[in-house]
Amino acid sequence: MGRDSEITGTKRKGQADSMEDIEAVNLAADWADISQGLRKDLGHQLHSQWIKPIQVGGLCDETGTLDLFLPTDFSANWVKDRFADRLSLAWKIARSEVRNVRIAVHPGRRQVADLRLHANGRRPANDGGDTSMMAIGADTLGDHGFTSSVGLDPSLTFVAFVTGEANVLACNAAQRMAATEKPQFSPLYLKAATGQGKTHLLHAIGHNYLQAHPRARIFYCSAERFMVEFVQALKANQMLEFKSRLRSFDLLLVDDIQFIIGKASAQEELLYTIDALLAEGKRLVFAADRAPQALDGVEPRLLSRLSMGLVADIQAADIELRRKILVSKLTRFAPLAVPDDVIDFLARTITRNIRELVGGLNKLIAYAQLTGQEVSLQLAEEQLTDILSANRRRITIDEIQRTVCQFFRIDRSEMSSKRRARAVVRPRQVAMYLAKVLTPRSYPEIGRKFGGRDHSTVIHAVRLIEDLRQRDADMDGDVRSLLRQLES
């Protein structure tokens, strides 16, 4: 009898856990819709800086209180002061059971590392710290050398970074910066839109540099965190300690430098820090979502320092790179099978950034695992409607024909003509191939847009171009260029 009760209790616990998991997926889906609406209202910059970092916690059934978490006290207070009412209203509209919204620092986050020195001139060994501002170095680890990469995400390494044409320059430059030999350029400035991998490369540089220089001192922070700590040191009359510690590092990694706006004194201190570290042969890496010259509210001298080394641009990932990234993530979900047509569908439709792409895959697989369903194209279309609608930019066959004709320098009328000269036939076949890859049109529909050609002609063109891409590097390069043009 006791054994039966134990089994029944285990089943109930499993069912409760499953219900909680499904509720978490539903809350995440609702937050995706709310976040997208706020992005339209607030604009890209405000949304990226303050709304996007929000993590949805649990919803208390008894009180109707929903927890929203942010990574730091500063950001939690800022969001609470300015967006609490708007967030509360949005959630109440989305879910009637929500009665209150509570904004706080995530309970799992440690306190932000204090940059200021203690009385003995050093920070205590192994003190906790937020990854938004973290110092790592041999002096905090006693006499046994480096033992853990505190403050750097262990999953963000060069091994885990998937490369393609869009990001290979930035990746190679980042590896050079982390190598044993002195880099040819410093600082390195990584420019990329949100979610394209610049933060990943910052962490990867930190990991590799520590492997090559086990007793090195590394400092990683966000520009926002730098500003906050600078103001705190200024108010506490501890600027000498602030400067001394900041300039003692061997590698300085600063993320989201576009947010170092306003405070002229903070910018001036960063400028002097850059000069001091460069004079000593130290290494500096900055990351931002725009080029140095496009930074708003930053003084010219600092802009000059940021752009004096190498500015490495990470372009938006093309369809081939998106597919490679998705395939690289599948090993985590083995033995769950994800069909090739689902991978192709996600790579073709989620185009805005890599973070959304991987998030879509994670959401799809989580839903399949929690509900016991197989991953399929239909399930992807049903469960990822929010992500798909946000990414949807309808590419038309007319647009494809116009782009292909400009690329190959032929007249637009050749797309529908009966001419069979090679200089005309090959671009026409490329256009048919792109129409199949980039639009939801069927073979007969595509044929009608190319002078009423039979669907078998379109099938032949698609298979031919697929084959040529495998065998002919020039053809593959032409198709890649056209894909980038059409998807940008």
Protein backbone atom coordinates (compact mmCIF):
# COMPACT_ATOMS: atom_id res chain seq x y z
CA MET A 1 0.00 0.00 0.00
CA GLY A 2 2.84 2.38 0.90
CA ARG A 3 4.54 1.58 -2.40
CA ASP A 4 1.33 2.44 -4.33
CA SER A 5 1.06 5.77 -2.51
CA GLU A 6 4.67 6.56 -3.35
CA ILE A 7 4.09 5.83 -7.05
CA THR A 8 0.90 7.92 -7.06
CA GLY A 9 2.75 10.79 -5.38
CA THR A 10 5.56 10.60 -7.94
CA LYS A 11 3.07 10.68 -10.83
CA ARG A 12 1.30 13.69 -9.35
CA LYS A 13 4.62 15.48 -8.89
CA GLY A 14 5.57 14.72 -12.51
CA GLN A 15 2.22 16.02 -13.74
CA ALA A 16 2.61 19.18 -11.65
CA ASP A 17 6.11 19.77 -13.02
CA SER A 18 4.84 19.27 -16.56
CA MET A 19 2.01 21.78 -15.97
CA GLU A 20 4.51 24.29 -14.59
CA ASP A 21 6.72 23.84 -17.65
CA ILE A 22 3.80 24.39 -20.01
CA GLU A 23 2.77 27.49 -18.02
CA ALA A 24 6.33 28.81 -18.34
CA VAL A 25 6.21 28.32 -22.12
CA ASN A 26 2.85 30.13 -22.28
CA LEU A 27 4.17 33.04 -20.20
CA ALA A 28 7.19 33.29 -22.49
CA ALA A 29 4.93 33.38 -25.55
CA ASP A 30 2.80 36.14 -23.99
CA TRP A 31 5.93 38.11 -23.10
CA ALA A 32 7.18 37.85 -26.67
CA ASP A 33 3.94 39.48 -27.88
CA ILE A 34 4.04 42.20 -25.19
CA SER A 35 7.73 42.91 -25.81
CA GLN A 36 7.15 43.26 -29.54
CA GLY A 37 4.35 45.78 -28.91
CA LEU A 38 6.56 47.80 -26.57
CA ARG A 39 9.31 47.80 -29.17
CA LYS A 40 6.97 49.51 -31.62
CA ASP A 41 5.90 52.05 -28.99
CA LEU A 42 9.29 52.86 -27.48
CA GLY A 43 11.61 52.44 -30.44
CA HIS A 44 14.54 50.10 -30.93
CA GLN A 45 17.10 51.77 -28.63
CA LEU A 46 14.95 52.09 -25.49
CA HIS A 47 13.53 48.61 -26.00
CA SER A 48 16.94 46.98 -26.47
CA GLN A 49 18.44 48.71 -23.45
CA TRP A 50 15.64 48.31 -20.88
CA ILE A 51 12.83 45.98 -22.00
CA LYS A 52 14.71 43.20 -23.77
CA PRO A 53 16.77 42.16 -20.68
CA ILE A 54 13.59 41.47 -18.69
CA GLN A 55 13.10 37.81 -17.70
CA VAL A 56 9.63 36.54 -16.82
CA GLY A 57 9.39 34.80 -13.46
CA GLY A 58 6.46 32.91 -12.00
CA LEU A 59 2.79 33.83 -11.67
CA CYS A 60 1.33 33.30 -8.21
CA ASP A 61 -2.15 31.74 -8.52
CA GLU A 62 -3.29 33.02 -5.11
CA THR A 63 -2.28 36.69 -5.40
CA GLY A 64 -2.17 37.06 -9.18
CA THR A 65 1.33 38.58 -8.87
CA LEU A 66 3.70 38.16 -11.80
CA ASP A 67 7.44 38.58 -11.26
CA LEU A 68 9.61 40.34 -13.84
CA PHE A 69 13.37 40.16 -13.27
CA LEU A 70 16.23 42.36 -14.43
CA PRO A 71 19.97 41.73 -14.04
CA THR A 72 20.94 44.75 -11.88
CA ASP A 73 19.45 47.04 -9.22
CA PHE A 74 20.09 50.00 -11.50
CA SER A 75 18.10 48.57 -14.42
CA ALA A 76 15.31 47.24 -12.16
CA ASN A 77 14.80 50.64 -10.54
CA TRP A 78 14.96 52.42 -13.90
CA VAL A 79 12.31 50.16 -15.45
CA LYS A 80 10.15 50.31 -12.31
CA ASP A 81 10.16 54.13 -12.31
CA ARG A 82 9.37 54.55 -16.01
CA PHE A 83 7.55 51.47 -17.31
CA ALA A 84 5.81 49.78 -14.33
CA ASP A 85 2.32 51.04 -15.22
CA ARG A 86 2.71 50.22 -18.91
CA LEU A 87 4.01 46.71 -18.19
CA SER A 88 1.24 46.07 -15.66
CA LEU A 89 -1.47 47.14 -18.12
CA ALA A 90 -0.01 45.07 -20.95
CA TRP A 91 0.09 41.92 -18.81
CA LYS A 92 -3.44 42.43 -17.49
CA ILE A 93 -4.70 42.67 -21.07
CA ALA A 94 -2.74 39.59 -22.13
CA ARG A 95 -3.74 37.45 -19.13
CA SER A 96 -6.81 38.21 -17.03
CA GLU A 97 -5.42 36.34 -14.02
CA VAL A 98 -2.56 38.84 -13.64
CA ARG A 99 -3.48 41.41 -10.97
CA ASN A 100 -0.07 42.79 -10.02
CA VAL A 101 3.36 43.01 -11.65
CA ARG A 102 6.45 43.00 -9.45
CA ILE A 103 9.77 44.24 -10.91
CA ALA A 104 12.94 43.17 -9.11
CA VAL A 105 16.51 41.97 -9.50
CA HIS A 106 16.72 38.30 -10.39
CA PRO A 107 17.20 36.36 -7.11
CA GLY A 108 19.76 34.13 -8.81
CA ARG A 109 22.03 37.04 -9.68
CA ARG A 110 24.96 37.89 -7.45
CA GLN A 111 25.71 41.43 -6.39
CA VAL A 112 27.65 43.52 -8.88
CA ALA A 113 31.35 43.50 -8.23
CA ASP A 114 32.51 46.67 -6.54
CA LEU A 115 35.28 48.24 -8.56
CA ARG A 116 36.55 50.32 -5.66
CA LEU A 117 39.53 49.06 -3.69
CA HIS A 118 39.36 48.10 -0.05
CA ALA A 119 41.61 49.53 2.63
CA ASN A 120 44.45 47.15 1.82
CA GLY A 121 44.36 48.16 -1.84
CA ARG A 122 42.95 44.83 -3.09
CA ARG A 123 39.59 43.22 -3.56
CA PRO A 124 38.79 40.12 -1.47
CA ALA A 125 39.55 36.81 -3.20
CA ASN A 126 36.67 35.21 -5.12
CA ASP A 127 34.14 37.95 -4.32
CA GLY A 128 30.93 37.56 -6.27
CA GLY A 129 30.08 39.64 -9.28
CA ASP A 130 27.58 40.27 -12.04
CA THR A 131 28.80 39.58 -15.58
CA SER A 132 27.91 43.15 -16.47
CA MET A 133 31.04 44.25 -14.61
CA MET A 134 33.55 41.62 -13.61
CA ALA A 135 37.26 41.65 -12.90
CA ILE A 136 39.18 38.41 -13.22
CA GLY A 137 42.79 37.98 -12.33
CA ALA A 138 45.46 36.04 -10.54
CA ASP A 139 45.50 38.47 -7.64
CA THR A 140 42.03 37.33 -6.56
CA LEU A 141 42.94 33.63 -6.61
CA GLY A 142 45.73 33.24 -4.07
CA ASP A 143 48.87 31.32 -4.99
CA HIS A 144 47.27 28.54 -6.99
CA GLY A 145 46.74 30.36 -10.28
CA PHE A 146 43.55 30.70 -12.26
CA THR A 147 40.89 28.14 -11.36
CA SER A 148 37.63 29.36 -12.90
CA SER A 149 36.44 31.87 -15.47
CA VAL A 150 34.13 33.79 -13.09
CA GLY A 151 32.13 36.41 -14.96
CA LEU A 152 32.59 34.83 -18.40
CA ASP A 153 29.83 32.60 -19.71
CA PRO A 154 31.44 29.14 -20.11
CA SER A 155 29.26 28.39 -23.15
CA LEU A 156 30.45 31.44 -25.12
CA THR A 157 33.72 30.15 -26.60
CA PHE A 158 35.35 30.22 -30.02
CA VAL A 159 34.54 26.51 -30.41
CA ALA A 160 30.83 27.29 -30.03
CA PHE A 161 30.96 30.26 -32.42
CA VAL A 162 29.74 29.22 -35.88
CA THR A 163 31.41 31.17 -38.67
CA GLY A 164 30.38 32.18 -42.16
CA GLU A 165 31.03 35.01 -44.58
CA ALA A 166 29.10 37.42 -42.38
CA ASN A 167 31.29 37.06 -39.28
CA VAL A 168 34.59 35.42 -40.24
CA LEU A 169 36.58 38.70 -40.19
CA ALA A 170 35.38 39.58 -36.68
CA CYS A 171 36.01 36.04 -35.43
CA ASN A 172 39.56 35.94 -36.83
CA ALA A 173 40.32 39.37 -35.38
CA ALA A 174 38.96 38.28 -31.99
CA GLN A 175 41.16 35.16 -32.02
CA ARG A 176 44.21 37.29 -32.83
CA MET A 177 43.40 39.57 -29.91
CA ALA A 178 43.31 36.56 -27.55
CA ALA A 179 46.48 34.89 -28.91
CA THR A 180 49.87 34.71 -27.21
CA GLU A 181 51.63 37.00 -29.67
CA LYS A 182 51.03 40.74 -29.55
CA PRO A 183 48.12 41.77 -31.84
CA GLN A 184 48.74 44.06 -34.79
CA PHE A 185 45.86 46.28 -33.78
CA SER A 186 44.40 47.60 -30.55
CA PRO A 187 41.74 48.43 -29.69
CA LEU A 188 39.50 45.95 -31.50
CA TYR A 189 36.01 47.36 -32.09
CA LEU A 190 33.26 44.81 -32.84
CA LYS A 191 30.25 46.30 -34.63
CA ALA A 192 27.06 44.27 -34.98
CA ALA A 193 23.32 44.64 -34.67
CA THR A 194 21.56 43.13 -31.66
CA GLY A 195 21.81 39.37 -31.40
CA GLN A 196 24.49 38.79 -34.08
CA GLY A 197 27.27 37.50 -31.81
CA LYS A 198 29.42 40.40 -30.63
CA THR A 199 28.95 39.60 -26.93
CA HIS A 200 29.75 35.95 -27.68
CA LEU A 201 33.08 37.03 -29.17
CA LEU A 202 33.88 39.24 -26.15
CA HIS A 203 33.47 36.27 -23.80
CA ALA A 204 35.41 34.00 -26.16
CA ILE A 205 38.33 36.45 -26.19
CA GLY A 206 38.35 36.40 -22.39
CA HIS A 207 38.40 32.58 -22.24
CA ASN A 208 41.20 32.19 -24.78
CA TYR A 209 43.29 34.98 -23.31
CA LEU A 210 43.17 33.31 -19.92
CA GLN A 211 44.28 30.02 -21.45
CA ALA A 212 47.25 31.74 -23.11
CA HIS A 213 48.00 33.97 -20.09
CA PRO A 214 46.84 32.06 -16.98
CA ARG A 215 47.80 34.81 -14.54
CA ALA A 216 46.44 37.72 -16.57
CA ARG A 217 44.02 40.27 -15.13
CA ILE A 218 40.86 40.69 -17.20
CA PHE A 219 38.09 43.22 -16.80
CA TYR A 220 34.71 42.74 -18.48
CA CYS A 221 31.87 45.21 -18.15
CA SER A 222 29.02 46.90 -19.94
CA ALA A 223 29.25 50.61 -20.71
CA GLU A 224 26.20 51.18 -18.52
CA ARG A 225 27.94 49.49 -15.60
CA PHE A 226 31.09 51.53 -16.17
CA MET A 227 29.02 54.73 -15.96
CA VAL A 228 27.29 53.62 -12.74
CA GLU A 229 30.52 52.63 -11.00
CA PHE A 230 32.23 55.82 -12.13
CA VAL A 231 29.48 57.97 -10.62
CA GLN A 232 29.55 55.97 -7.37
CA ALA A 233 33.34 56.38 -7.10
CA LEU A 234 32.98 60.10 -7.81
CA LYS A 235 30.37 60.55 -5.09
CA ALA A 236 32.43 58.54 -2.59
CA ASN A 237 35.57 60.55 -3.38
CA GLN A 238 37.40 57.37 -4.42
CA MET A 239 38.48 58.29 -7.93
CA LEU A 240 42.17 57.55 -7.33
CA GLU A 241 41.33 53.96 -6.36
CA PHE A 242 38.95 53.68 -9.32
CA LYS A 243 41.63 54.82 -11.79
CA SER A 244 44.36 52.70 -10.23
CA ARG A 245 42.38 49.49 -10.39
CA LEU A 246 40.95 50.11 -13.86
CA ARG A 247 44.40 50.70 -15.34
CA SER A 248 45.92 47.61 -13.79
CA PHE A 249 44.23 45.14 -16.13
CA ASP A 250 45.90 43.30 -19.02
CA LEU A 251 42.70 42.96 -21.08
CA LEU A 252 39.74 45.35 -21.03
CA LEU A 253 36.43 44.16 -22.54
CA VAL A 254 33.60 46.73 -22.76
CA ASP A 255 30.21 45.78 -24.19
CA ASP A 256 27.46 48.06 -25.57
CA ILE A 257 29.72 51.09 -25.75
CA GLN A 258 26.89 52.98 -27.50
CA PHE A 259 25.38 53.61 -24.06
CA ILE A 260 28.32 55.67 -22.77
CA ILE A 261 26.51 58.89 -23.55
CA GLY A 262 26.05 62.10 -21.62
CA LYS A 263 28.55 62.23 -18.74
CA ALA A 264 31.58 64.01 -20.19
CA SER A 265 33.69 63.19 -17.11
CA ALA A 266 33.04 59.43 -17.48
CA GLN A 267 33.97 59.60 -21.16
CA GLU A 268 37.13 61.49 -20.29
CA GLU A 269 38.12 58.85 -17.73
CA LEU A 270 37.58 56.08 -20.29
CA LEU A 271 39.67 58.06 -22.78
CA TYR A 272 42.58 58.36 -20.30
CA THR A 273 42.24 54.67 -19.41
CA ILE A 274 42.48 53.69 -23.09
CA ASP A 275 45.59 55.84 -23.52
CA ALA A 276 47.22 54.42 -20.38
CA LEU A 277 46.56 50.78 -21.30
CA LEU A 278 47.67 51.21 -24.91
CA ALA A 279 50.89 52.89 -23.78
CA GLU A 280 51.68 49.79 -21.71
CA GLY A 281 50.87 47.40 -24.58
CA LYS A 282 47.64 46.17 -22.97
CA ARG A 283 44.71 44.89 -25.03
CA LEU A 284 41.29 46.51 -25.39
CA VAL A 285 38.10 45.29 -27.05
CA PHE A 286 34.87 47.24 -27.44
CA ALA A 287 31.51 46.15 -28.84
CA ALA A 288 28.59 48.24 -30.07
CA ASP A 289 25.60 48.11 -32.38
CA ARG A 290 26.94 50.91 -34.60
CA ALA A 291 30.21 52.24 -36.00
CA PRO A 292 32.30 54.60 -33.80
CA GLN A 293 31.47 57.55 -36.05
CA ALA A 294 27.73 56.88 -35.55
CA LEU A 295 27.83 56.97 -31.73
CA ASP A 296 25.63 59.73 -30.32
CA GLY A 297 26.80 62.06 -27.54
CA VAL A 298 30.41 60.82 -27.52
CA GLU A 299 33.21 63.37 -27.70
CA PRO A 300 35.48 63.35 -30.80
CA ARG A 301 38.67 62.40 -28.93
CA LEU A 302 37.06 59.23 -27.58
CA LEU A 303 35.61 58.40 -31.01
CA SER A 304 39.13 58.72 -32.43
CA ARG A 305 40.52 56.23 -29.86
CA LEU A 306 37.72 53.74 -30.47
CA SER A 307 38.33 53.70 -34.23
CA MET A 308 42.15 53.84 -34.25
CA GLY A 309 42.62 50.05 -34.20
CA LEU A 310 40.43 47.66 -36.21
CA VAL A 311 36.68 48.07 -36.64
CA ALA A 312 35.37 44.56 -37.46
CA ASP A 313 31.81 44.41 -38.75
CA ILE A 314 29.56 41.40 -38.14
CA GLN A 315 27.00 41.39 -40.92
CA ALA A 316 23.53 39.86 -40.68
CA ALA A 317 23.82 36.09 -41.08
CA ASP A 318 22.83 34.76 -44.50
CA ILE A 319 20.62 31.70 -44.88
CA GLU A 320 23.58 29.31 -45.09
CA LEU A 321 25.06 30.56 -41.82
CA ARG A 322 21.66 30.47 -40.11
CA ARG A 323 21.28 26.85 -41.17
CA LYS A 324 24.77 25.98 -39.87
CA ILE A 325 23.99 27.60 -36.52
CA LEU A 326 20.75 25.64 -36.13
CA VAL A 327 22.44 22.35 -37.00
CA SER A 328 25.20 23.08 -34.46
CA LYS A 329 22.58 23.45 -31.71
CA LEU A 330 20.87 20.11 -32.41
CA THR A 331 23.48 18.05 -30.55
CA ARG A 332 22.10 19.41 -27.27
CA PHE A 333 18.68 17.89 -27.97
CA ALA A 334 19.74 14.40 -29.07
CA PRO A 335 18.08 11.95 -29.50
CA LEU A 336 15.15 14.25 -30.39
CA ALA A 337 14.95 14.45 -34.19
CA VAL A 338 14.42 17.74 -36.00
CA PRO A 339 13.60 17.19 -39.70
CA ASP A 340 15.65 19.01 -42.36
CA ASP A 341 12.56 20.80 -43.68
CA VAL A 342 12.02 22.37 -40.23
CA ILE A 343 15.65 23.53 -40.10
CA ASP A 344 15.32 25.01 -43.61
CA PHE A 345 12.04 26.68 -42.66
CA LEU A 346 13.51 28.33 -39.54
CA ALA A 347 16.66 29.42 -41.39
CA ARG A 348 14.59 30.92 -44.19
CA THR A 349 11.98 32.72 -42.08
CA ILE A 350 13.73 33.91 -38.87
CA THR A 351 16.17 36.41 -40.34
CA ARG A 352 16.43 39.36 -37.95
CA ASN A 353 19.14 38.02 -35.64
CA ILE A 354 20.78 34.85 -34.35
CA ARG A 355 19.39 35.21 -30.84
CA GLU A 356 15.83 35.07 -32.15
CA LEU A 357 16.72 32.19 -34.45
CA VAL A 358 18.11 30.03 -31.64
CA GLY A 359 15.29 31.14 -29.35
CA GLY A 360 12.75 29.94 -31.91
CA LEU A 361 14.43 26.54 -32.11
CA ASN A 362 14.56 26.26 -28.31
CA LYS A 363 10.89 27.18 -27.96
CA LEU A 364 9.84 24.68 -30.61
CA ILE A 365 11.81 21.82 -29.08
CA ALA A 366 10.67 22.68 -25.53
CA TYR A 367 7.05 22.59 -26.63
CA ALA A 368 7.54 19.26 -28.42
CA GLN A 369 9.23 17.69 -25.39
CA LEU A 370 6.67 18.97 -22.89
CA THR A 371 3.67 17.86 -24.92
CA GLY A 372 5.12 14.64 -26.32
CA GLN A 373 4.67 15.73 -29.95
CA GLU A 374 7.11 15.20 -32.79
CA VAL A 375 8.86 18.26 -34.23
CA SER A 376 7.29 19.01 -37.59
CA LEU A 377 6.81 21.86 -40.03
CA GLN A 378 3.17 22.20 -38.97
CA LEU A 379 4.13 22.41 -35.29
CA ALA A 380 6.73 25.08 -36.09
CA GLU A 381 4.19 27.19 -37.98
CA GLU A 382 1.64 26.85 -35.16
CA GLN A 383 3.91 27.52 -32.17
CA LEU A 384 6.24 30.20 -33.57
CA THR A 385 3.62 32.58 -34.94
CA ASP A 386 4.88 35.48 -32.80
CA ILE A 387 8.50 35.12 -33.93
CA LEU A 388 7.55 34.42 -37.54
CA SER A 389 5.25 37.44 -37.80
CA ALA A 390 7.96 39.70 -36.36
CA ASN A 391 10.45 38.44 -38.96
CA ARG A 392 8.15 38.32 -41.92
CA ARG A 393 9.35 40.47 -44.78
CA ARG A 394 7.59 39.21 -47.87
CA ILE A 395 9.97 38.85 -50.79
CA THR A 396 8.10 38.79 -54.07
CA ILE A 397 8.98 37.03 -57.30
CA ASP A 398 8.95 40.43 -59.03
CA GLU A 399 11.58 41.65 -56.55
CA ILE A 400 13.67 38.54 -57.18
CA GLN A 401 13.48 38.97 -60.96
CA ARG A 402 14.42 42.64 -60.75
CA THR A 403 17.41 41.92 -58.46
CA VAL A 404 18.67 39.02 -60.61
CA CYS A 405 18.41 41.08 -63.81
CA GLN A 406 20.39 43.92 -62.23
CA PHE A 407 23.01 41.48 -60.95
CA PHE A 408 23.52 39.74 -64.32
CA ARG A 409 22.90 42.94 -66.32
CA ILE A 410 20.14 41.66 -68.53
CA ASP A 411 16.80 43.20 -69.44
CA ARG A 412 13.84 42.42 -67.17
CA SER A 413 11.83 41.11 -70.13
CA GLU A 414 14.25 38.15 -70.44
CA MET A 415 12.65 36.57 -67.39
CA SER A 416 9.56 35.83 -69.48
CA SER A 417 11.09 35.59 -72.95
CA LYS A 418 11.53 32.41 -75.00
CA ARG A 419 15.21 33.11 -75.72
CA ARG A 420 17.53 30.19 -74.92
CA ALA A 421 20.94 31.87 -75.06
CA ARG A 422 23.08 30.79 -72.08
CA ALA A 423 23.53 34.41 -70.96
CA VAL A 424 19.75 34.58 -70.49
CA VAL A 425 18.83 31.03 -69.47
CA ARG A 426 21.19 30.79 -66.49
CA PRO A 427 20.00 34.02 -64.77
CA ARG A 428 16.40 32.89 -65.39
CA GLN A 429 17.13 29.55 -63.71
CA VAL A 430 18.80 31.30 -60.77
CA ALA A 431 15.72 33.50 -60.37
CA MET A 432 13.46 30.42 -60.37
CA TYR A 433 15.67 28.78 -57.74
CA LEU A 434 15.55 31.89 -55.52
CA ALA A 435 11.79 32.13 -55.96
CA LYS A 436 11.45 28.62 -54.58
CA VAL A 437 13.86 29.21 -51.69
CA LEU A 438 12.61 32.64 -50.61
CA THR A 439 8.87 32.56 -51.30
CA PRO A 440 6.05 30.16 -50.38
CA ARG A 441 4.98 29.90 -54.05
CA SER A 442 4.43 26.49 -55.64
CA TYR A 443 6.24 25.30 -58.76
CA PRO A 444 3.22 26.04 -61.04
CA GLU A 445 2.84 29.55 -59.54
CA ILE A 446 6.53 30.28 -60.12
CA GLY A 447 6.28 28.97 -63.70
CA ARG A 448 3.40 31.36 -64.46
CA LYS A 449 5.54 34.33 -63.32
CA PHE A 450 8.25 33.30 -65.80
CA GLY A 451 6.27 33.60 -69.03
CA GLY A 452 3.81 30.79 -68.28
CA ARG A 453 6.43 28.04 -68.13
CA ASP A 454 5.53 24.51 -67.06
CA HIS A 455 6.18 23.47 -63.45
CA SER A 456 8.62 20.79 -64.67
CA THR A 457 10.83 23.57 -66.08
CA VAL A 458 10.96 25.20 -62.65
CA ILE A 459 11.77 21.89 -60.95
CA HIS A 460 14.61 21.32 -63.44
CA ALA A 461 15.98 24.84 -62.80
CA VAL A 462 15.89 24.44 -59.01
CA ARG A 463 17.68 21.07 -59.09
CA LEU A 464 20.24 22.35 -61.61
CA ILE A 465 21.18 25.39 -59.52
CA GLU A 466 21.37 23.26 -56.37
CA ASP A 467 23.79 20.94 -58.19
CA LEU A 468 25.83 23.80 -59.63
CA ARG A 469 26.23 25.37 -56.21
CA GLN A 470 27.91 22.18 -55.04
CA ARG A 471 30.29 21.99 -58.01
CA ASP A 472 30.86 25.58 -59.12
CA ALA A 473 32.30 28.06 -56.60
CA ASP A 474 31.48 31.04 -58.85
CA MET A 475 27.83 30.05 -59.10
CA ASP A 476 27.64 29.48 -55.33
CA GLY A 477 29.17 32.91 -54.75
CA ASP A 478 26.67 34.58 -57.11
CA VAL A 479 23.73 32.92 -55.35
CA ARG A 480 25.06 33.90 -51.92
CA SER A 481 25.41 37.52 -53.03
CA LEU A 482 21.86 37.56 -54.35
CA LEU A 483 20.52 36.00 -51.15
CA ARG A 484 22.22 38.69 -49.08
CA GLN A 485 20.80 41.45 -51.28
CA LEU A 486 17.27 40.08 -51.16
CA GLU A 487 17.26 39.36 -47.42
CA SER A 488 18.80 42.68 -46.34
